[in-house]
C-alpha atoms as a PDB file:
ATOM      1  CA  UNK A   1     -16.976  15.535  -2.036  1.00  0.00           C
ATOM      2  CA  UNK A   2     -14.008  13.354  -2.911  1.00  0.00           C
ATOM      3  CA  UNK A   3     -13.211   9.959  -1.401  1.00  0.00           C
ATOM      4  CA  UNK A   4     -10.281   7.606  -1.959  1.00  0.00           C
ATOM      5  CA  UNK A   5     -11.485   4.056  -2.540  1.00  0.00           C
ATOM      6  CA  UNK A   6      -8.945   2.974  -5.182  1.00  0.00           C
ATOM      7  CA  UNK A   7      -5.545   4.355  -6.183  1.00  0.00           C
ATOM      8  CA  UNK A   8      -7.051   4.893  -9.643  1.00  0.00           C
ATOM      9  CA  UNK A   9      -9.498   7.418  -8.161  1.00  0.00           C
ATOM     10  CA  UNK A  10      -6.615   9.880  -8.592  1.00  0.00           C
ATOM     11  CA  UNK A  11      -5.532  10.952 -12.065  1.00  0.00           C
ATOM     12  CA  UNK A  12      -1.815  10.921 -12.813  1.00  0.00           C
ATOM     13  CA  UNK A  13      -1.758  14.708 -12.382  1.00  0.00           C
ATOM     14  CA  UNK A  14      -3.591  14.508  -9.034  1.00  0.00           C
ATOM     15  CA  UNK A  15      -1.271  11.731  -7.907  1.00  0.00           C
ATOM     16  CA  UNK A  16       1.829  13.722  -8.823  1.00  0.00           C
ATOM     17  CA  UNK A  17       0.448  16.743  -6.944  1.00  0.00           C
ATOM     18  CA  UNK A  18      -0.212  14.568  -3.905  1.00  0.00           C
ATOM     19  CA  UNK A  19       3.311  13.135  -3.981  1.00  0.00           C
ATOM     20  CA  UNK A  20       4.761  16.632  -4.371  1.00  0.00           C
ATOM     21  CA  UNK A  21       2.824  17.675  -1.265  1.00  0.00           C
ATOM     22  CA  UNK A  22       4.012  14.592   0.640  1.00  0.00           C
ATOM     23  CA  UNK A  23       7.602  15.441  -0.288  1.00  0.00           C
ATOM     24  CA  UNK A  24       7.181  19.024   0.946  1.00  0.00           C
ATOM     25  CA  UNK A  25       5.701  17.731   4.200  1.00  0.00           C
ATOM     26  CA  UNK A  26       8.699  15.428   4.669  1.00  0.00           C
ATOM     27  CA  UNK A  27      11.096  18.332   4.187  1.00  0.00           C
ATOM     28  CA  UNK A  28       9.099  20.992   6.108  1.00  0.00           C
ATOM     29  CA  UNK A  29       6.988  19.287   8.788  1.00  0.00           C
ATOM     30  CA  UNK A  30       6.636  22.410  10.934  1.00  0.00           C
ATOM     31  CA  UNK A  31       4.914  24.196   8.050  1.00  0.00           C
ATOM     32  CA  UNK A  32       2.006  21.750   8.325  1.00  0.00           C
ATOM     33  CA  UNK A  33       1.924  21.143  12.084  1.00  0.00           C
ATOM     34  CA  UNK A  34      -1.235  23.194  12.684  1.00  0.00           C
ATOM     35  CA  UNK A  35      -2.979  22.772   9.323  1.00  0.00           C
ATOM     36  CA  UNK A  36      -5.701  20.479  10.743  1.00  0.00           C
ATOM     37  CA  UNK A  37      -6.311  22.198  14.083  1.00  0.00           C
ATOM     38  CA  UNK A  38      -9.930  21.633  15.061  1.00  0.00           C
ATOM     39  CA  UNK A  39     -10.336  18.716  12.607  1.00  0.00           C
ATOM     40  CA  UNK A  40     -11.043  15.122  13.614  1.00  0.00           C
ATOM     41  CA  UNK A  41     -10.122  11.871  11.892  1.00  0.00           C
ATOM     42  CA  UNK A  42     -12.230   8.778  12.626  1.00  0.00           C
ATOM     43  CA  UNK A  43     -10.336   5.487  12.270  1.00  0.00           C
ATOM     44  CA  UNK A  44     -12.948   2.773  11.662  1.00  0.00           C
ATOM     45  CA  UNK A  45     -10.964  -0.452  11.758  1.00  0.00           C
ATOM     46  CA  UNK A  46     -13.157  -3.546  11.654  1.00  0.00           C
ATOM     47  CA  UNK A  47     -10.074  -5.777  11.653  1.00  0.00           C
ATOM     48  CA  UNK A  48      -6.697  -5.460  13.408  1.00  0.00           C
ATOM     49  CA  UNK A  49      -3.936  -3.286  11.985  1.00  0.00           C
ATOM     50  CA  UNK A  50      -0.658  -1.920  13.261  1.00  0.00           C
ATOM     51  CA  UNK A  51       1.033   0.170  10.574  1.00  0.00           C
ATOM     52  CA  UNK A  52      -1.997   1.447   8.697  1.00  0.00           C
ATOM     53  CA  UNK A  53      -4.081   2.520  11.692  1.00  0.00           C
ATOM     54  CA  UNK A  54      -1.192   4.033  13.625  1.00  0.00           C
ATOM     55  CA  UNK A  55       0.208   5.820  10.578  1.00  0.00           C
ATOM     56  CA  UNK A  56      -3.200   7.408   9.930  1.00  0.00           C
ATOM     57  CA  UNK A  57      -3.350   8.495  13.546  1.00  0.00           C
ATOM     58  CA  UNK A  58       0.224   9.806  13.459  1.00  0.00           C
ATOM     59  CA  UNK A  59      -0.558  11.664  10.239  1.00  0.00           C
ATOM     60  CA  UNK A  60      -3.545  13.500  11.743  1.00  0.00           C
ATOM     61  CA  UNK A  61      -1.741  14.263  15.005  1.00  0.00           C
ATOM     62  CA  UNK A  62       1.254  15.609  13.046  1.00  0.00           C
ATOM     63  CA  UNK A  63      -1.167  17.977  11.296  1.00  0.00           C
ATOM     64  CA  UNK A  64      -2.475  19.291  14.616  1.00  0.00           C
ATOM     65  CA  UNK A  65      -5.784  17.441  14.434  1.00  0.00           C
ATOM     66  CA  UNK A  66      -7.281  14.806  16.701  1.00  0.00           C
ATOM     67  CA  UNK A  67      -8.349  11.189  16.328  1.00  0.00           C
ATOM     68  CA  UNK A  68     -11.262   9.044  17.461  1.00  0.00           C
ATOM     69  CA  UNK A  69     -12.426   5.601  16.452  1.00  0.00           C
ATOM     70  CA  UNK A  70     -12.171   1.870  17.127  1.00  0.00           C
ATOM     71  CA  UNK A  71      -9.562  -0.781  16.392  1.00  0.00           C
ATOM     72  CA  UNK A  72     -11.734  -3.876  15.936  1.00  0.00           C
ATOM     73  CA  UNK A  73     -15.317  -4.788  15.082  1.00  0.00           C
ATOM     74  CA  UNK A  74     -15.766  -6.216  18.579  1.00  0.00           C
ATOM     75  CA  UNK A  75     -15.253  -2.777  20.093  1.00  0.00           C
ATOM     76  CA  UNK A  76     -17.854  -1.147  17.846  1.00  0.00           C
ATOM     77  CA  UNK A  77     -21.616  -1.423  17.393  1.00  0.00           C
ATOM     78  CA  UNK A  78     -20.938  -3.802  14.519  1.00  0.00           C
ATOM     79  CA  UNK A  79     -20.877  -6.450  17.245  1.00  0.00           C
ATOM     80  CA  UNK A  80     -24.547  -5.573  17.845  1.00  0.00           C
ATOM     81  CA  UNK A  81     -25.392  -5.823  14.155  1.00  0.00           C
ATOM     82  CA  UNK A  82     -25.117  -2.179  13.097  1.00  0.00           C
ATOM     83  CA  UNK A  83     -24.544  -1.757   9.351  1.00  0.00           C
ATOM     84  CA  UNK A  84     -21.568   0.031   7.803  1.00  0.00           C
ATOM     85  CA  UNK A  85     -23.972   2.587   6.303  1.00  0.00           C
ATOM     86  CA  UNK A  86     -25.496   3.432   9.676  1.00  0.00           C
ATOM     87  CA  UNK A  87     -22.079   3.614  11.336  1.00  0.00           C
ATOM     88  CA  UNK A  88     -20.718   6.133   8.833  1.00  0.00           C
ATOM     89  CA  UNK A  89     -23.894   8.232   9.049  1.00  0.00           C
ATOM     90  CA  UNK A  90     -23.316   8.524  12.786  1.00  0.00           C
ATOM     91  CA  UNK A  91     -19.565   9.100  12.447  1.00  0.00           C
ATOM     92  CA  UNK A  92     -20.305  11.909   9.981  1.00  0.00           C
ATOM     93  CA  UNK A  93     -21.806  13.777  12.953  1.00  0.00           C
ATOM     94  CA  UNK A  94     -18.600  13.438  14.972  1.00  0.00           C
ATOM     95  CA  UNK A  95     -15.633  13.673  12.585  1.00  0.00           C
ATOM     96  CA  UNK A  96     -14.436  15.557   9.502  1.00  0.00           C
ATOM     97  CA  UNK A  97     -12.858  12.612   7.652  1.00  0.00           C
ATOM     98  CA  UNK A  98     -12.774   8.821   8.098  1.00  0.00           C
ATOM     99  CA  UNK A  99     -10.349   5.993   7.326  1.00  0.00           C
ATOM    100  CA  UNK A 100     -11.999   2.562   7.139  1.00  0.00           C
ATOM    101  CA  UNK A 101     -10.541  -0.939   7.077  1.00  0.00           C
ATOM    102  CA  UNK A 102     -13.011  -3.768   6.619  1.00  0.00           C
ATOM    103  CA  UNK A 103     -12.709  -7.501   5.857  1.00  0.00           C
ATOM    104  CA  UNK A 104     -15.497  -7.334   3.247  1.00  0.00           C
ATOM    105  CA  UNK A 105     -14.661  -6.070  -0.220  1.00  0.00           C
ATOM    106  CA  UNK A 106     -16.640  -2.964  -1.123  1.00  0.00           C
ATOM    107  CA  UNK A 107     -17.507  -1.919   2.439  1.00  0.00           C
ATOM    108  CA  UNK A 108     -15.744   1.483   2.139  1.00  0.00           C
ATOM    109  CA  UNK A 109     -17.641   2.074  -1.111  1.00  0.00           C
ATOM    110  CA  UNK A 110     -20.925   1.466   0.708  1.00  0.00           C
ATOM    111  CA  UNK A 111     -19.812   3.888   3.415  1.00  0.00           C
ATOM    112  CA  UNK A 112     -18.798   6.550   0.872  1.00  0.00           C
ATOM    113  CA  UNK A 113     -22.182   6.329  -0.860  1.00  0.00           C
ATOM    114  CA  UNK A 114     -23.986   7.673   2.245  1.00  0.00           C
ATOM    115  CA  UNK A 115     -21.234   9.571   4.053  1.00  0.00           C
ATOM    116  CA  UNK A 116     -21.253  13.327   4.616  1.00  0.00           C
ATOM    117  CA  UNK A 117     -17.474  13.308   5.140  1.00  0.00           C
ATOM    118  CA  UNK A 118     -14.584  12.041   2.958  1.00  0.00           C
ATOM    119  CA  UNK A 119     -13.931   8.307   3.305  1.00  0.00           C
ATOM    120  CA  UNK A 120     -10.504   6.725   2.784  1.00  0.00           C
ATOM    121  CA  UNK A 121     -10.295   3.014   2.078  1.00  0.00           C
ATOM    122  CA  UNK A 122      -7.649   1.682   4.476  1.00  0.00           C
ATOM    123  CA  UNK A 123      -7.996  -1.841   3.069  1.00  0.00           C
ATOM    124  CA  UNK A 124     -11.069  -3.892   2.144  1.00  0.00           C
ATOM    125  CA  UNK A 125     -10.579  -7.651   2.149  1.00  0.00           C
ATOM    126  CA  UNK A 126      -8.309  -8.825  -0.663  1.00  0.00           C
ATOM    127  CA  UNK A 127      -9.511  -6.017  -2.901  1.00  0.00           C
ATOM    128  CA  UNK A 128      -7.745  -2.674  -2.526  1.00  0.00           C
ATOM    129  CA  UNK A 129      -5.252  -0.949  -0.242  1.00  0.00           C
ATOM    130  CA  UNK A 130      -4.856   2.427  -1.958  1.00  0.00           C
ATOM    131  CA  UNK A 131      -2.832   4.260   0.694  1.00  0.00           C
ATOM    132  CA  UNK A 132      -0.265   1.439   0.645  1.00  0.00           C
ATOM    133  CA  UNK A 133      -0.013   1.925  -3.111  1.00  0.00           C
ATOM    134  CA  UNK A 134       0.466   5.676  -2.666  1.00  0.00           C
ATOM    135  CA  UNK A 135       3.182   4.879  -0.129  1.00  0.00           C
ATOM    136  CA  UNK A 136       4.861   2.498  -2.577  1.00  0.00           C
ATOM    137  CA  UNK A 137       4.751   5.110  -5.349  1.00  0.00           C
ATOM    138  CA  UNK A 138       6.261   7.780  -3.112  1.00  0.00           C
ATOM    139  CA  UNK A 139       9.032   5.400  -2.060  1.00  0.00           C
ATOM    140  CA  UNK A 140       9.883   4.540  -5.661  1.00  0.00           C
ATOM    141  CA  UNK A 141       9.831   8.179  -6.737  1.00  0.00           C
ATOM    142  CA  UNK A 142      11.879   9.461  -3.799  1.00  0.00           C
ATOM    143  CA  UNK A 143      14.539   6.752  -4.049  1.00  0.00           C
ATOM    144  CA  UNK A 144      14.615   6.321  -7.817  1.00  0.00           C
ATOM    145  CA  UNK A 145      13.921   9.926  -8.802  1.00  0.00           C
ATOM    146  CA  UNK A 146      11.011   9.125 -11.117  1.00  0.00           C
ATOM    147  CA  UNK A 147       7.993   6.919 -11.732  1.00  0.00           C
ATOM    148  CA  UNK A 148       9.200   6.210 -15.273  1.00  0.00           C
ATOM    149  CA  UNK A 149      11.970   4.081 -16.776  1.00  0.00           C
ATOM    150  CA  UNK A 150      12.790   1.269 -14.358  1.00  0.00           C
ATOM    151  CA  UNK A 151      12.510  -2.481 -13.860  1.00  0.00           C
ATOM    152  CA  UNK A 152      10.601  -3.732 -10.846  1.00  0.00           C
ATOM    153  CA  UNK A 153      10.470  -7.292  -9.566  1.00  0.00           C
ATOM    154  CA  UNK A 154       7.378  -8.324  -7.608  1.00  0.00           C
ATOM    155  CA  UNK A 155       8.107 -11.464  -5.631  1.00  0.00           C
ATOM    156  CA  UNK A 156       6.088 -13.970  -3.620  1.00  0.00           C
ATOM    157  CA  UNK A 157       2.309 -14.235  -3.426  1.00  0.00           C
ATOM    158  CA  UNK A 158       1.198 -12.445  -6.585  1.00  0.00           C
ATOM    159  CA  UNK A 159      -2.157 -14.198  -6.762  1.00  0.00           C
ATOM    160  CA  UNK A 160      -3.739 -13.032  -3.516  1.00  0.00           C
ATOM    161  CA  UNK A 161      -1.597  -9.989  -2.686  1.00  0.00           C
ATOM    162  CA  UNK A 162      -3.814  -6.900  -2.929  1.00  0.00           C
ATOM    163  CA  UNK A 163      -0.808  -4.591  -2.623  1.00  0.00           C
ATOM    164  CA  UNK A 164       0.754  -6.145  -5.738  1.00  0.00           C
ATOM    165  CA  UNK A 165      -2.443  -5.859  -7.794  1.00  0.00           C
ATOM    166  CA  UNK A 166      -2.941  -2.200  -6.854  1.00  0.00           C
ATOM    167  CA  UNK A 167       0.702  -1.311  -7.500  1.00  0.00           C
ATOM    168  CA  UNK A 168       0.726  -2.911 -10.958  1.00  0.00           C
ATOM    169  CA  UNK A 169      -2.543  -1.179 -11.864  1.00  0.00           C
ATOM    170  CA  UNK A 170      -1.063   2.178 -10.872  1.00  0.00           C
ATOM    171  CA  UNK A 171       2.379   1.766 -12.448  1.00  0.00           C
ATOM    172  CA  UNK A 172       1.021   0.867 -15.898  1.00  0.00           C
ATOM    173  CA  UNK A 173       0.051   4.545 -16.265  1.00  0.00           C
ATOM    174  CA  UNK A 174       3.744   5.508 -16.371  1.00  0.00           C
ATOM    175  CA  UNK A 175       6.334   5.106 -19.135  1.00  0.00           C
ATOM    176  CA  UNK A 176       8.876   2.388 -19.874  1.00  0.00           C
ATOM    177  CA  UNK A 177       8.385   0.190 -16.834  1.00  0.00           C
ATOM    178  CA  UNK A 178       9.292  -3.486 -17.037  1.00  0.00           C
ATOM    179  CA  UNK A 179       7.608  -5.899 -14.637  1.00  0.00           C
ATOM    180  CA  UNK A 180       9.380  -9.080 -13.536  1.00  0.00           C
ATOM    181  CA  UNK A 181       6.784 -11.278 -11.821  1.00  0.00           C
ATOM    182  CA  UNK A 182       8.498 -13.796  -9.535  1.00  0.00           C
ATOM    183  CA  UNK A 183       6.342 -16.510  -7.999  1.00  0.00           C
ATOM    184  CA  UNK A 184       5.625 -20.230  -7.849  1.00  0.00           C
ATOM    185  CA  UNK A 185       3.128 -21.350 -10.484  1.00  0.00           C
ATOM    186  CA  UNK A 186       0.471 -21.719  -7.781  1.00  0.00           C
ATOM    187  CA  UNK A 187       0.703 -18.025  -6.900  1.00  0.00           C
ATOM    188  CA  UNK A 188       1.053 -16.292 -10.266  1.00  0.00           C
ATOM    189  CA  UNK A 189      -0.832 -13.082 -10.889  1.00  0.00           C
ATOM    190  CA  UNK A 190      -4.558 -13.475 -11.630  1.00  0.00           C
ATOM    191  CA  UNK A 191      -5.643 -13.621 -15.257  1.00  0.00           C
ATOM    192  CA  UNK A 192      -7.397 -10.259 -15.046  1.00  0.00           C
ATOM    193  CA  UNK A 193      -4.142  -8.515 -14.058  1.00  0.00           C
ATOM    194  CA  UNK A 194      -2.221 -10.281 -16.821  1.00  0.00           C
ATOM    195  CA  UNK A 195      -4.834  -9.738 -19.551  1.00  0.00           C
ATOM    196  CA  UNK A 196      -6.780  -6.608 -18.598  1.00  0.00           C
ATOM    197  CA  UNK A 197      -3.982  -4.580 -17.027  1.00  0.00           C
ATOM    198  CA  UNK A 198      -0.553  -5.627 -18.331  1.00  0.00           C
ATOM    199  CA  UNK A 199      -1.403  -6.826 -21.835  1.00  0.00           C
ATOM    200  CA  UNK A 200      -4.150  -4.243 -22.314  1.00  0.00           C
ATOM    201  CA  UNK A 201      -1.596  -1.489 -21.634  1.00  0.00           C
ATOM    202  CA  UNK A 202       1.129  -3.127 -23.786  1.00  0.00           C
ATOM    203  CA  UNK A 203       3.430  -3.495 -20.787  1.00  0.00           C
ATOM    204  CA  UNK A 204       6.740  -5.307 -20.870  1.00  0.00           C
ATOM    205  CA  UNK A 205       6.535  -8.189 -18.390  1.00  0.00           C
ATOM    206  CA  UNK A 206       7.913 -11.662 -17.760  1.00  0.00           C
ATOM    207  CA  UNK A 207       6.831 -14.376 -15.316  1.00  0.00           C
ATOM    208  CA  UNK A 208       9.586 -16.422 -13.673  1.00  0.00           C
ATOM    209  CA  UNK A 209       9.946 -18.804 -10.754  1.00  0.00           C
ATOM    210  CA  UNK A 210      13.491 -18.103  -9.565  1.00  0.00           C
ATOM    211  CA  UNK A 211      14.502 -14.873  -7.814  1.00  0.00           C
ATOM    212  CA  UNK A 212      18.201 -15.663  -8.184  1.00  0.00           C
ATOM    213  CA  UNK A 213      17.936 -15.717 -11.973  1.00  0.00           C
ATOM    214  CA  UNK A 214      16.607 -12.149 -12.275  1.00  0.00           C
ATOM    215  CA  UNK A 215      17.644 -10.170  -9.189  1.00  0.00           C
ATOM    216  CA  UNK A 216      20.630  -8.663 -11.033  1.00  0.00           C
ATOM    217  CA  UNK A 217      18.292  -7.044 -13.583  1.00  0.00           C
ATOM    218  CA  UNK A 218      16.115  -5.167 -11.090  1.00  0.00           C
ATOM    219  CA  UNK A 219      16.008  -1.541  -9.984  1.00  0.00           C
ATOM    220  CA  UNK A 220      13.406  -2.310  -7.308  1.00  0.00           C
ATOM    221  CA  UNK A 221      12.424  -5.566  -5.629  1.00  0.00           C
ATOM    222  CA  UNK A 222       8.987  -5.657  -3.995  1.00  0.00           C
ATOM    223  CA  UNK A 223       8.863  -8.613  -1.608  1.00  0.00           C
ATOM    224  CA  UNK A 224       5.693 -10.245  -0.309  1.00  0.00           C
ATOM    225  CA  UNK A 225       5.077 -13.212   1.947  1.00  0.00           C
ATOM    226  CA  UNK A 226       4.496 -16.716   0.552  1.00  0.00           C
ATOM    227  CA  UNK A 227       1.979 -18.330   2.880  1.00  0.00           C
ATOM    228  CA  UNK A 228       1.879 -22.051   3.592  1.00  0.00           C
ATOM    229  CA  UNK A 229      -1.926 -22.108   3.390  1.00  0.00           C
ATOM    230  CA  UNK A 230      -1.847 -21.093  -0.285  1.00  0.00           C
ATOM    231  CA  UNK A 231      -0.389 -24.460  -1.338  1.00  0.00           C
ATOM    232  CA  UNK A 232      -2.266 -27.682  -1.960  1.00  0.00           C
ATOM    233  CA  UNK A 233       0.577 -29.807  -0.594  1.00  0.00           C
ATOM    234  CA  UNK A 234       3.190 -29.401   2.111  1.00  0.00           C
ATOM    235  CA  UNK A 235       5.841 -30.780  -0.246  1.00  0.00           C
ATOM    236  CA  UNK A 236       5.206 -28.000  -2.775  1.00  0.00           C
ATOM    237  CA  UNK A 237       5.432 -25.361  -0.053  1.00  0.00           C
ATOM    238  CA  UNK A 238       8.687 -26.759   1.302  1.00  0.00           C
ATOM    239  CA  UNK A 239      10.095 -26.931  -2.228  1.00  0.00           C
ATOM    240  CA  UNK A 240       9.374 -23.270  -2.945  1.00  0.00           C
ATOM    241  CA  UNK A 241       9.706 -21.385   0.341  1.00  0.00           C
ATOM    242  CA  UNK A 242      13.507 -21.107   0.203  1.00  0.00           C
ATOM    243  CA  UNK A 243      13.321 -19.478  -3.222  1.00  0.00           C
ATOM    244  CA  UNK A 244      11.809 -16.398  -1.670  1.00  0.00           C
ATOM    245  CA  UNK A 245      13.961 -15.705   1.360  1.00  0.00           C
ATOM    246  CA  UNK A 246      16.003 -12.604   0.583  1.00  0.00           C
ATOM    247  CA  UNK A 247      19.388 -12.811   2.294  1.00  0.00           C
ATOM    248  CA  UNK A 248      22.902 -11.411   1.922  1.00  0.00           C
ATOM    249  CA  UNK A 249      23.818 -14.021  -0.681  1.00  0.00           C
ATOM    250  CA  UNK A 250      20.949 -12.935  -2.955  1.00  0.00           C
ATOM    251  CA  UNK A 251      21.609  -9.243  -2.309  1.00  0.00           C
ATOM    252  CA  UNK A 252      25.214  -9.766  -3.458  1.00  0.00           C
ATOM    253  CA  UNK A 253      23.845 -10.531  -6.941  1.00  0.00           C
ATOM    254  CA  UNK A 254      21.786  -7.322  -7.093  1.00  0.00           C
ATOM    255  CA  UNK A 255      22.718  -3.885  -8.400  1.00  0.00           C
ATOM    256  CA  UNK A 256      24.399  -1.506  -5.965  1.00  0.00           C
ATOM    257  CA  UNK A 257      21.403   0.826  -6.277  1.00  0.00           C
ATOM    258  CA  UNK A 258      18.576  -1.743  -6.234  1.00  0.00           C
ATOM    259  CA  UNK A 259      16.106  -0.948  -3.452  1.00  0.00           C
ATOM    260  CA  UNK A 260      14.084  -3.534  -1.534  1.00  0.00           C
ATOM    261  CA  UNK A 261      10.469  -2.708  -0.679  1.00  0.00           C
ATOM    262  CA  UNK A 262       7.946  -4.645   1.411  1.00  0.00           C
ATOM    263  CA  UNK A 263       4.427  -3.639   2.533  1.00  0.00           C
ATOM    264  CA  UNK A 264       5.059  -5.335   5.917  1.00  0.00           C
ATOM    265  CA  UNK A 265       4.581  -7.235   8.119  1.00  0.00           C
ATOM    266  CA  UNK A 266       7.338  -9.615   7.139  1.00  0.00           C
ATOM    267  CA  UNK A 267       7.730 -13.078   8.561  1.00  0.00           C
ATOM    268  CA  UNK A 268      10.823 -14.795   7.170  1.00  0.00           C
ATOM    269  CA  UNK A 269      10.893 -13.694   3.513  1.00  0.00           C
ATOM    270  CA  UNK A 270      13.547 -11.048   4.221  1.00  0.00           C
ATOM    271  CA  UNK A 271      16.352 -12.128   6.518  1.00  0.00           C
ATOM    272  CA  UNK A 272      17.118  -9.680   9.327  1.00  0.00           C
ATOM    273  CA  UNK A 273      20.704  -9.640   8.054  1.00  0.00           C
ATOM    274  CA  UNK A 274      19.460  -7.538   5.129  1.00  0.00           C
ATOM    275  CA  UNK A 275      18.147  -4.783   7.426  1.00  0.00           C
ATOM    276  CA  UNK A 276      21.534  -3.062   7.650  1.00  0.00           C
ATOM    277  CA  UNK A 277      21.992  -3.013   3.869  1.00  0.00           C
ATOM    278  CA  UNK A 278      21.548   0.584   2.615  1.00  0.00           C
ATOM    279  CA  UNK A 279      19.342  -0.805  -0.143  1.00  0.00           C
ATOM    280  CA  UNK A 280      16.778  -2.080   2.399  1.00  0.00           C
ATOM    281  CA  UNK A 281      14.040   0.545   2.094  1.00  0.00           C
ATOM    282  CA  UNK A 282      11.060  -1.088   3.814  1.00  0.00           C
ATOM    283  CA  UNK A 283      11.279   0.822   7.086  1.00  0.00           C
ATOM    284  CA  UNK A 284      11.847   4.062   5.192  1.00  0.00           C
ATOM    285  CA  UNK A 285       8.784   3.062   3.171  1.00  0.00           C
ATOM    286  CA  UNK A 286       6.753   2.945   6.401  1.00  0.00           C
ATOM    287  CA  UNK A 287       7.897   6.502   7.210  1.00  0.00           C
ATOM    288  CA  UNK A 288       6.873   7.702   3.749  1.00  0.00           C
ATOM    289  CA  UNK A 289       3.434   6.231   4.497  1.00  0.00           C
ATOM    290  CA  UNK A 290       2.888   8.858   7.200  1.00  0.00           C
ATOM    291  CA  UNK A 291       3.763  11.703   4.811  1.00  0.00           C
ATOM    292  CA  UNK A 292       1.476  10.320   2.103  1.00  0.00           C
ATOM    293  CA  UNK A 293      -1.436  10.003   4.521  1.00  0.00           C
ATOM    294  CA  UNK A 294      -0.826  13.544   5.780  1.00  0.00           C
ATOM    295  CA  UNK A 295      -0.941  14.795   2.187  1.00  0.00           C
ATOM    296  CA  UNK A 296      -4.084  12.787   1.487  1.00  0.00           C
ATOM    297  CA  UNK A 297      -5.913  14.101   4.553  1.00  0.00           C
ATOM    298  CA  UNK A 298      -5.048  17.682   3.589  1.00  0.00           C
ATOM    299  CA  UNK A 299      -6.123  17.113  -0.007  1.00  0.00           C
ATOM    300  CA  UNK A 300      -9.479  15.516   0.816  1.00  0.00           C
ATOM    301  CA  UNK A 301     -10.229  18.232   3.373  1.00  0.00           C
ATOM    302  CA  UNK A 302      -9.303  20.962   0.893  1.00  0.00           C
ATOM    303  CA  UNK A 303      -6.487  22.213   3.112  1.00  0.00           C
ATOM    304  CA  UNK A 304      -3.628  21.470   0.713  1.00  0.00           C
ATOM    305  CA  UNK A 305      -3.136  25.043  -0.541  1.00  0.00           C
END
């Protein structure tokens, strides 16, 4: 039985097949509308979520299946002290596949080790968010035409952002990608990403502080939120926060075909005035997330042929 706990659980060939399937689903939704009839997805969300939980549910409903589950730990037996292992053993009696979000790193791995059904990691603490990474990869491939030969800027909180870490770790498997890492010094990428992922794979990367200085060089800009609580002083936060607000003035310096991505939710790091720019791809990205999760459900259930 196959689970998805990390984006690296899929080989490059498996990933390309999954993205091909997601593309076909996006073009021919009716072809897949009854593929999961009689199948149930359990959404086990121990912490709140909007996009991820609802996109999983939409994905299964679009496939003709049904959904059961809970949206917070307080509405599950976890509030009574039940372990993740016991929960998934019980859920295995009720559902055919499960998507789990948990605040503790490694919880989906514990679940997968005892589960009788496929388990999808829908986010575990600050560790992994593999279906967001699959969504990001589909967005890049659909808009840019390839997962090779481009320059991507990752901007904001690169130290704690699990989506950034997973995306870098996945993209290093492709050819001729340049990474421009844009952050304040307090929020630079962790040493293990710099040393064990980028340098280990001989990747071309630079670390800079100013978005304005590099935005004209980018094919994709992946924005993340800079959080006040990450700084040791209020003065440092106030000094840096304006650097990372994407607005029309910054977009005017970018290429005509540079796309803006964001894992959402945004707060103020992308001005609403950018939403009408045809290069703003973050809401399209959310739509691609449904197609990717549909493809993943079909693949893990063996219904992708």
